[in-house]
Amino acid sequence: MKTVYYPAPERGHVNFGWLDSHHSFSFGNWYDPEKVHFGALRVLNDDTVKGGKGFDTHPHENMEIISHSPERGPGA
């Protein structure tokens, strides 16, 4: 597997107030045809979600989702 490095300024970014998201691959309204996926990996976001906020229920099919809280540890 090759290593691919995307400096922070080349990543997508959105801030909705409750969600501050930096993404490595095309996501939401940010699209870069060179950055659609890496093998089977489709999403790699660095999201900060305000306490008491979050995403509405929405479907995901054939995906594994991993969340990590720096303060509380993986899956917290």
Foldseek 3Di string as FASTA:
>chain_A
DDDDDDPQVRWDWDPPPQKTKTWQADDDPDHDPVGQADVPGGTDMDMDGDPPDDDDDDDDDPDDDWDADPVPGTPD
